[in-house]
Protein backbone atom coordinates (compact mmCIF):
# COMPACT_ATOMS: atom_id res chain seq x y z
CA UNK A 1 -114.32 -12.07 -112.49
CA UNK A 2 -114.62 -12.16 -108.69
CA UNK A 3 -116.13 -15.57 -107.88
CA UNK A 4 -114.25 -18.87 -107.40
CA UNK A 5 -115.24 -21.76 -109.65
CA UNK A 6 -115.74 -25.35 -108.47
CA UNK A 7 -115.56 -28.33 -110.83
CA UNK A 8 -116.69 -31.92 -110.34
CA UNK A 9 -114.74 -34.25 -112.61
CA UNK A 10 -114.68 -38.02 -113.04
CA UNK A 11 -113.69 -40.17 -116.03
CA UNK A 12 -114.32 -38.09 -119.17
CA UNK A 13 -111.08 -36.31 -120.09
CA UNK A 14 -112.19 -34.80 -123.40
CA UNK A 15 -115.44 -33.35 -122.12
CA UNK A 16 -113.56 -32.01 -119.08
CA UNK A 17 -111.04 -30.36 -121.40
CA UNK A 18 -113.84 -28.38 -123.06
CA UNK A 19 -115.13 -27.14 -119.69
CA UNK A 20 -111.65 -26.23 -118.46
CA UNK A 21 -111.07 -24.13 -121.59
CA UNK A 22 -114.21 -22.08 -120.88
CA UNK A 23 -113.27 -21.56 -117.24
CA UNK A 24 -109.75 -20.44 -118.12
CA UNK A 25 -111.20 -17.82 -120.48
CA UNK A 26 -113.26 -16.43 -117.61
CA UNK A 27 -110.12 -16.02 -115.46
CA UNK A 28 -111.58 -16.74 -112.00
CA UNK A 29 -109.56 -15.87 -108.89
CA UNK A 30 -109.52 -19.50 -107.69
CA UNK A 31 -110.56 -22.91 -108.98
CA UNK A 32 -111.48 -25.83 -106.74
CA UNK A 33 -111.62 -29.28 -108.35
CA UNK A 34 -112.92 -32.47 -106.78
CA UNK A 35 -113.43 -35.93 -108.19
CA UNK A 36 -114.38 -39.49 -107.35
CA UNK A 37 -112.34 -42.68 -107.35
CA UNK A 38 -112.73 -45.62 -109.76
CA UNK A 39 -115.68 -47.99 -109.55
CA UNK A 40 -114.78 -51.58 -108.75
CA UNK A 41 -116.80 -53.01 -111.65
CA UNK A 42 -115.48 -50.58 -114.30
CA UNK A 43 -111.97 -51.67 -115.31
CA UNK A 44 -111.30 -48.59 -117.47
CA UNK A 45 -112.14 -46.05 -114.75
CA UNK A 46 -108.67 -45.86 -113.22
CA UNK A 47 -106.95 -44.90 -116.49
CA UNK A 48 -109.69 -42.50 -117.56
CA UNK A 49 -109.65 -40.80 -114.16
CA UNK A 50 -105.86 -40.46 -114.42
CA UNK A 51 -106.26 -38.80 -117.81
CA UNK A 52 -108.98 -36.49 -116.51
CA UNK A 53 -106.85 -35.39 -113.56
CA UNK A 54 -104.04 -34.68 -116.03
CA UNK A 55 -106.36 -32.28 -117.88
CA UNK A 56 -106.57 -30.30 -114.64
CA UNK A 57 -102.89 -30.46 -113.71
CA UNK A 58 -101.64 -29.59 -117.20
CA UNK A 59 -104.08 -26.77 -117.97
CA UNK A 60 -102.61 -23.23 -118.30
CA UNK A 61 -104.35 -21.83 -115.24
CA UNK A 62 -103.69 -18.21 -114.28
CA UNK A 63 -105.02 -18.65 -110.74
CA UNK A 64 -104.72 -20.81 -107.64
CA UNK A 65 -106.06 -24.35 -108.13
CA UNK A 66 -107.07 -26.57 -105.20
CA UNK A 67 -107.86 -30.25 -105.68
CA UNK A 68 -109.68 -32.83 -103.60
CA UNK A 69 -109.65 -36.31 -105.12
CA UNK A 70 -111.13 -39.38 -103.49
CA UNK A 71 -109.18 -42.61 -103.85
CA UNK A 72 -112.28 -44.69 -103.12
CA UNK A 73 -115.46 -44.45 -105.16
CA UNK A 74 -118.05 -42.55 -103.13
CA UNK A 75 -120.68 -42.55 -105.87
CA UNK A 76 -123.15 -40.03 -107.23
CA UNK A 77 -124.73 -39.45 -103.83
CA UNK A 78 -121.75 -38.75 -101.62
CA UNK A 79 -118.95 -37.46 -103.85
CA UNK A 80 -120.80 -34.35 -105.04
CA UNK A 81 -122.12 -33.74 -101.51
CA UNK A 82 -118.76 -34.15 -99.77
CA UNK A 83 -117.02 -32.21 -102.53
CA UNK A 84 -119.29 -29.21 -102.14
CA UNK A 85 -118.85 -29.40 -98.37
CA UNK A 86 -115.10 -29.11 -99.01
CA UNK A 87 -115.60 -26.20 -101.42
CA UNK A 88 -117.51 -24.19 -98.83
CA UNK A 89 -114.93 -24.90 -96.18
CA UNK A 90 -112.57 -22.91 -98.40
CA UNK A 91 -114.72 -20.18 -99.96
CA UNK A 92 -117.94 -18.37 -99.07
CA UNK A 93 -119.44 -18.52 -102.59
CA UNK A 94 -118.76 -20.42 -105.80
CA UNK A 95 -119.92 -21.14 -109.32
CA UNK A 96 -120.27 -24.89 -109.78
CA UNK A 97 -120.05 -27.10 -112.88
CA UNK A 98 -120.16 -30.82 -113.33
CA UNK A 99 -117.82 -31.92 -116.09
CA UNK A 100 -120.50 -32.06 -118.80
CA UNK A 101 -121.93 -28.56 -118.33
CA UNK A 102 -120.65 -25.82 -120.63
CA UNK A 103 -121.39 -22.13 -119.93
CA UNK A 104 -121.80 -19.15 -122.20
CA UNK A 105 -119.04 -16.64 -121.28
CA UNK A 106 -121.63 -14.16 -120.00
CA UNK A 107 -122.76 -16.65 -117.33
CA UNK A 108 -119.75 -15.79 -115.17
CA UNK A 109 -120.56 -12.08 -115.01
CA UNK A 110 -124.23 -12.93 -114.47
CA UNK A 111 -123.27 -14.94 -111.39
CA UNK A 112 -120.74 -12.40 -110.17
CA UNK A 113 -123.28 -9.60 -110.10
CA UNK A 114 -126.15 -11.58 -108.60
CA UNK A 115 -124.02 -13.30 -105.97
CA UNK A 116 -123.06 -9.84 -104.78
CA UNK A 117 -126.56 -8.36 -105.00
CA UNK A 118 -128.26 -11.18 -103.05
CA UNK A 119 -125.41 -12.23 -100.76
CA UNK A 120 -127.32 -11.28 -97.60
CA UNK A 121 -130.84 -12.10 -98.79
CA UNK A 122 -131.64 -15.52 -97.37
CA UNK A 123 -134.73 -15.84 -99.54
CA UNK A 124 -132.39 -16.48 -102.49
CA UNK A 125 -130.52 -19.77 -102.28
CA UNK A 126 -128.97 -20.18 -105.72
CA UNK A 127 -128.40 -18.76 -109.19
CA UNK A 128 -129.00 -21.10 -112.11
CA UNK A 129 -127.66 -21.05 -115.64
CA UNK A 130 -130.62 -23.00 -117.02
CA UNK A 131 -133.71 -21.87 -118.84
CA UNK A 132 -135.28 -24.54 -121.04
CA UNK A 133 -138.32 -22.56 -122.16
CA UNK A 134 -136.79 -21.13 -125.29
CA UNK A 135 -138.58 -17.83 -124.84
CA UNK A 136 -138.53 -14.88 -122.47
CA UNK A 137 -141.32 -14.39 -119.97
CA UNK A 138 -140.55 -10.73 -119.31
CA UNK A 139 -138.02 -8.03 -120.22
CA UNK A 140 -136.17 -8.71 -116.94
CA UNK A 141 -132.81 -10.49 -116.99
CA UNK A 142 -133.96 -13.27 -114.68
CA UNK A 143 -136.94 -14.63 -112.81
CA UNK A 144 -137.56 -16.32 -109.49
CA UNK A 145 -138.34 -20.02 -109.35
CA UNK A 146 -138.76 -22.72 -106.73
CA UNK A 147 -136.89 -25.19 -108.94
CA UNK A 148 -133.15 -25.77 -108.73
CA UNK A 149 -131.53 -26.02 -112.17
CA UNK A 150 -128.05 -27.38 -111.43
CA UNK A 151 -126.43 -27.69 -114.87
CA UNK A 152 -124.23 -24.70 -114.13
CA UNK A 153 -125.17 -22.81 -110.96
CA UNK A 154 -123.86 -20.72 -108.08
CA UNK A 155 -124.55 -20.36 -104.39
CA UNK A 156 -123.18 -19.19 -101.06
CA UNK A 157 -121.86 -20.99 -98.00
CA UNK A 158 -124.82 -19.58 -96.04
CA UNK A 159 -127.26 -21.44 -98.35
CA UNK A 160 -125.28 -24.67 -98.61
CA UNK A 161 -125.29 -24.85 -94.79
CA UNK A 162 -128.92 -26.02 -95.02
CA UNK A 163 -128.00 -29.04 -97.14
CA UNK A 164 -128.35 -32.55 -95.69
CA UNK A 165 -127.54 -35.43 -98.03
CA UNK A 166 -129.53 -37.82 -95.80
CA UNK A 167 -132.66 -35.61 -95.75
CA UNK A 168 -133.24 -36.35 -92.07
CA UNK A 169 -136.13 -33.88 -91.89
CA UNK A 170 -138.16 -35.65 -94.57
CA UNK A 171 -139.83 -38.45 -92.53
CA UNK A 172 -141.42 -35.91 -90.18
CA UNK A 173 -142.33 -33.44 -92.91
CA UNK A 174 -143.78 -36.17 -95.09
CA UNK A 175 -146.73 -36.56 -92.74
CA UNK A 176 -147.60 -32.86 -92.97
CA UNK A 177 -148.90 -30.58 -95.74
CA UNK A 178 -145.34 -29.32 -96.31
CA UNK A 179 -144.95 -30.29 -99.97
CA UNK A 180 -148.45 -29.27 -100.98
CA UNK A 181 -148.01 -25.90 -99.28
CA UNK A 182 -144.67 -25.26 -100.99
CA UNK A 183 -145.61 -26.50 -104.45
CA UNK A 184 -149.24 -25.45 -104.57
CA UNK A 185 -150.85 -28.62 -105.92
CA UNK A 186 -151.21 -32.25 -104.90
CA UNK A 187 -150.07 -33.74 -108.21
CA UNK A 188 -146.70 -32.05 -107.98
CA UNK A 189 -146.42 -32.85 -104.28
CA UNK A 190 -147.07 -36.55 -104.91
CA UNK A 191 -144.48 -36.59 -107.68
CA UNK A 192 -141.80 -35.32 -105.32
CA UNK A 193 -143.02 -37.43 -102.42
CA UNK A 194 -142.06 -40.47 -104.50
CA UNK A 195 -138.59 -39.11 -105.22
CA UNK A 196 -137.89 -38.16 -101.63
CA UNK A 197 -139.08 -41.53 -100.34
CA UNK A 198 -136.71 -43.29 -102.73
CA UNK A 199 -133.76 -41.16 -101.61
CA UNK A 200 -134.35 -41.76 -97.91
CA UNK A 201 -134.82 -45.49 -98.60
CA UNK A 202 -131.48 -45.59 -100.44
CA UNK A 203 -133.10 -46.62 -103.73
CA UNK A 204 -131.97 -43.47 -105.58
CA UNK A 205 -128.28 -42.57 -105.39
CA UNK A 206 -128.14 -38.88 -106.14
CA UNK A 207 -127.24 -35.64 -104.40
CA UNK A 208 -129.25 -32.95 -106.15
CA UNK A 209 -132.80 -33.76 -105.03
CA UNK A 210 -131.56 -33.24 -101.48
CA UNK A 211 -130.54 -29.71 -102.51
CA UNK A 212 -134.01 -29.17 -103.93
CA UNK A 213 -135.46 -30.38 -100.64
CA UNK A 214 -133.21 -28.04 -98.65
CA UNK A 215 -134.41 -25.09 -100.73
CA UNK A 216 -138.06 -25.92 -100.13
CA UNK A 217 -137.59 -26.44 -96.39
CA UNK A 218 -136.16 -22.92 -96.24
CA UNK A 219 -138.82 -21.53 -98.62
CA UNK A 220 -135.87 -20.48 -100.78
CA UNK A 221 -135.86 -19.27 -104.35
CA UNK A 222 -133.53 -19.75 -107.28
CA UNK A 223 -132.75 -17.15 -109.93
CA UNK A 224 -133.33 -18.44 -113.47
CA UNK A 225 -131.83 -16.46 -116.38
CA UNK A 226 -134.14 -15.05 -119.03
CA UNK A 227 -132.07 -16.92 -121.65
CA UNK A 228 -130.31 -20.26 -121.33
CA UNK A 229 -126.71 -19.71 -120.22
CA UNK A 230 -125.44 -23.27 -119.69
CA UNK A 231 -125.87 -26.47 -121.65
CA UNK A 232 -125.37 -30.14 -120.82
CA UNK A 233 -123.25 -31.95 -123.41
CA UNK A 234 -122.90 -35.18 -121.49
CA UNK A 235 -125.92 -37.19 -122.61
CA UNK A 236 -124.96 -40.58 -124.00
CA UNK A 237 -123.80 -44.10 -123.08
CA UNK A 238 -120.82 -42.84 -121.05
CA UNK A 239 -123.02 -40.76 -118.74
CA UNK A 240 -123.83 -42.10 -115.29
CA UNK A 241 -127.46 -40.94 -115.44
CA UNK A 242 -128.44 -39.37 -118.76
CA UNK A 243 -127.71 -42.22 -121.15
CA UNK A 244 -130.61 -41.45 -123.50
CA UNK A 245 -130.51 -38.26 -125.56
CA UNK A 246 -133.36 -35.91 -124.63
CA UNK A 247 -133.82 -33.04 -127.10
CA UNK A 248 -135.60 -30.90 -124.50
CA UNK A 249 -132.63 -31.04 -122.15
CA UNK A 250 -129.49 -32.12 -124.00
CA UNK A 251 -127.23 -29.60 -125.69
CA UNK A 252 -129.81 -26.82 -125.48
CA UNK A 253 -128.45 -23.72 -127.19
CA UNK A 254 -126.90 -21.02 -125.01
CA UNK A 255 -127.34 -17.30 -125.54
CA UNK A 256 -125.56 -14.16 -124.40
CA UNK A 257 -126.90 -12.30 -121.39
CA UNK A 258 -127.35 -8.59 -121.95
CA UNK A 259 -125.88 -6.13 -119.46
CA UNK A 260 -126.63 -4.02 -117.48
CA UNK A 261 -128.93 -6.51 -115.79
CA UNK A 262 -132.62 -5.67 -115.51
CA UNK A 263 -133.78 -6.76 -112.05
CA UNK A 264 -137.39 -7.81 -111.36
CA UNK A 265 -139.40 -5.23 -109.44
CA UNK A 266 -140.71 -7.82 -106.96
CA UNK A 267 -139.38 -11.08 -105.57
CA UNK A 268 -142.26 -13.31 -106.67
CA UNK A 269 -141.70 -16.75 -108.16
CA UNK A 270 -142.80 -17.29 -111.72
CA UNK A 271 -145.64 -19.79 -111.61
CA UNK A 272 -145.56 -19.93 -115.40
CA UNK A 273 -141.93 -21.07 -115.40
CA UNK A 274 -142.42 -23.53 -112.55
CA UNK A 275 -145.46 -25.01 -114.24
CA UNK A 276 -143.43 -25.42 -117.42
CA UNK A 277 -140.69 -27.27 -115.54
CA UNK A 278 -143.15 -29.66 -113.94
CA UNK A 279 -145.46 -30.24 -116.90
CA UNK A 280 -142.91 -30.29 -119.72
CA UNK A 281 -139.72 -31.57 -118.12
CA UNK A 282 -140.91 -33.70 -115.23
CA UNK A 283 -144.43 -35.10 -115.38
CA UNK A 284 -144.48 -35.59 -119.17
CA UNK A 285 -142.05 -38.46 -118.85
CA UNK A 286 -143.44 -40.07 -115.72
CA UNK A 287 -145.53 -42.71 -117.51
CA UNK A 288 -142.69 -43.77 -119.79
CA UNK A 289 -140.23 -43.87 -116.94
CA UNK A 290 -142.51 -45.93 -114.73
CA UNK A 291 -142.95 -48.41 -117.57
CA UNK A 292 -139.17 -48.65 -117.72
CA UNK A 293 -139.09 -49.29 -113.98
CA UNK A 294 -137.19 -46.17 -113.02
CA UNK A 295 -137.73 -42.56 -112.07
CA UNK A 296 -135.44 -39.74 -113.03
CA UNK A 297 -135.78 -35.98 -113.25
CA UNK A 298 -134.27 -33.24 -115.34
CA UNK A 299 -132.09 -32.38 -112.32
CA UNK A 300 -129.88 -35.35 -113.15
C-alpha cells in the first residue's frame, strides 16, 4: 500500500477499534489521526474520548502515526474541516475514514491505483468507496458521478485546496443558474439550494455538504466503485447524525473489487447513478424529514 490513511475519531472506542484493525491489515505507510474534544453538555465524553485515544496509542501499528487532537469541542462542522486541512499540510493524498466506516480490504488497492492514475487530472476530485445501488451498471470497475460519497473516500491536496467550510461563494452563485446547470434539473437544484442556505445561515452544522459544493464549483467528478467497498456501521443512538437505522444506507454489504481494474473508455458521469442517488437516497425522504422539522442527506 502506498497511500497514507487519515482517521477521524471521537467518543466510540469499540467502533474505532474495528476500523483500526482493518487499517493495520492494509499496512499503510503513514496514519494521521485527528479528533474532537468533549462536549460541555455530555458528561461521559471526556472518558470515552480518553478510551478512544487509547485505542490509537495502544494499537500495534507498523508505520508512523501522527495525531492532532483538539482539547476544545469544535463540532461536526469545524473539526472534520480543520482536521483535513491538517492532513493535507502533511501529505499530498490520503484515504479518509470517519470512525464508523469500515472498508473491504480491496478498497485500499482500489484507491492506491486510482489516486496514481488521476493524480494530475483536475476533473477528478475524489474516489469514493460507496455504491448503494446493489447492482453493476457496466463491466467497468468504477463510474463517474457528480455526487460525493464520503463513507470511506480518498482525495488529493490539489482537490482539497478548493474546499471552503464557510461556502463564501454561495451567496453570489445562488442568484445564478449555477446549480441548475451543474445538476441538470430544477427539482434537484432546489433541494440543494435549501441545504446550502442552511449551511451559510449556520442552521446546519456539518462539513461534507461544503465539500460537495466545492466539487460542483470546480465541475469536478467523483469515482464510484462498481461494487460497494465501504459500509457505515455507526447508525444508532450514539451517532451524532444518523440516530435512526436506515436499511438503504446502514451496514450495506461490502464486496471485493476485482483486479486488474477495468477503466471506463470515456470520462462521462453516470446519469443513471446520479438519478438513483437523488431519487432513492435523497428526495425519497424529503417529505418525512420536513414533517420531522429537519433536513439531512445520505452524506451524513
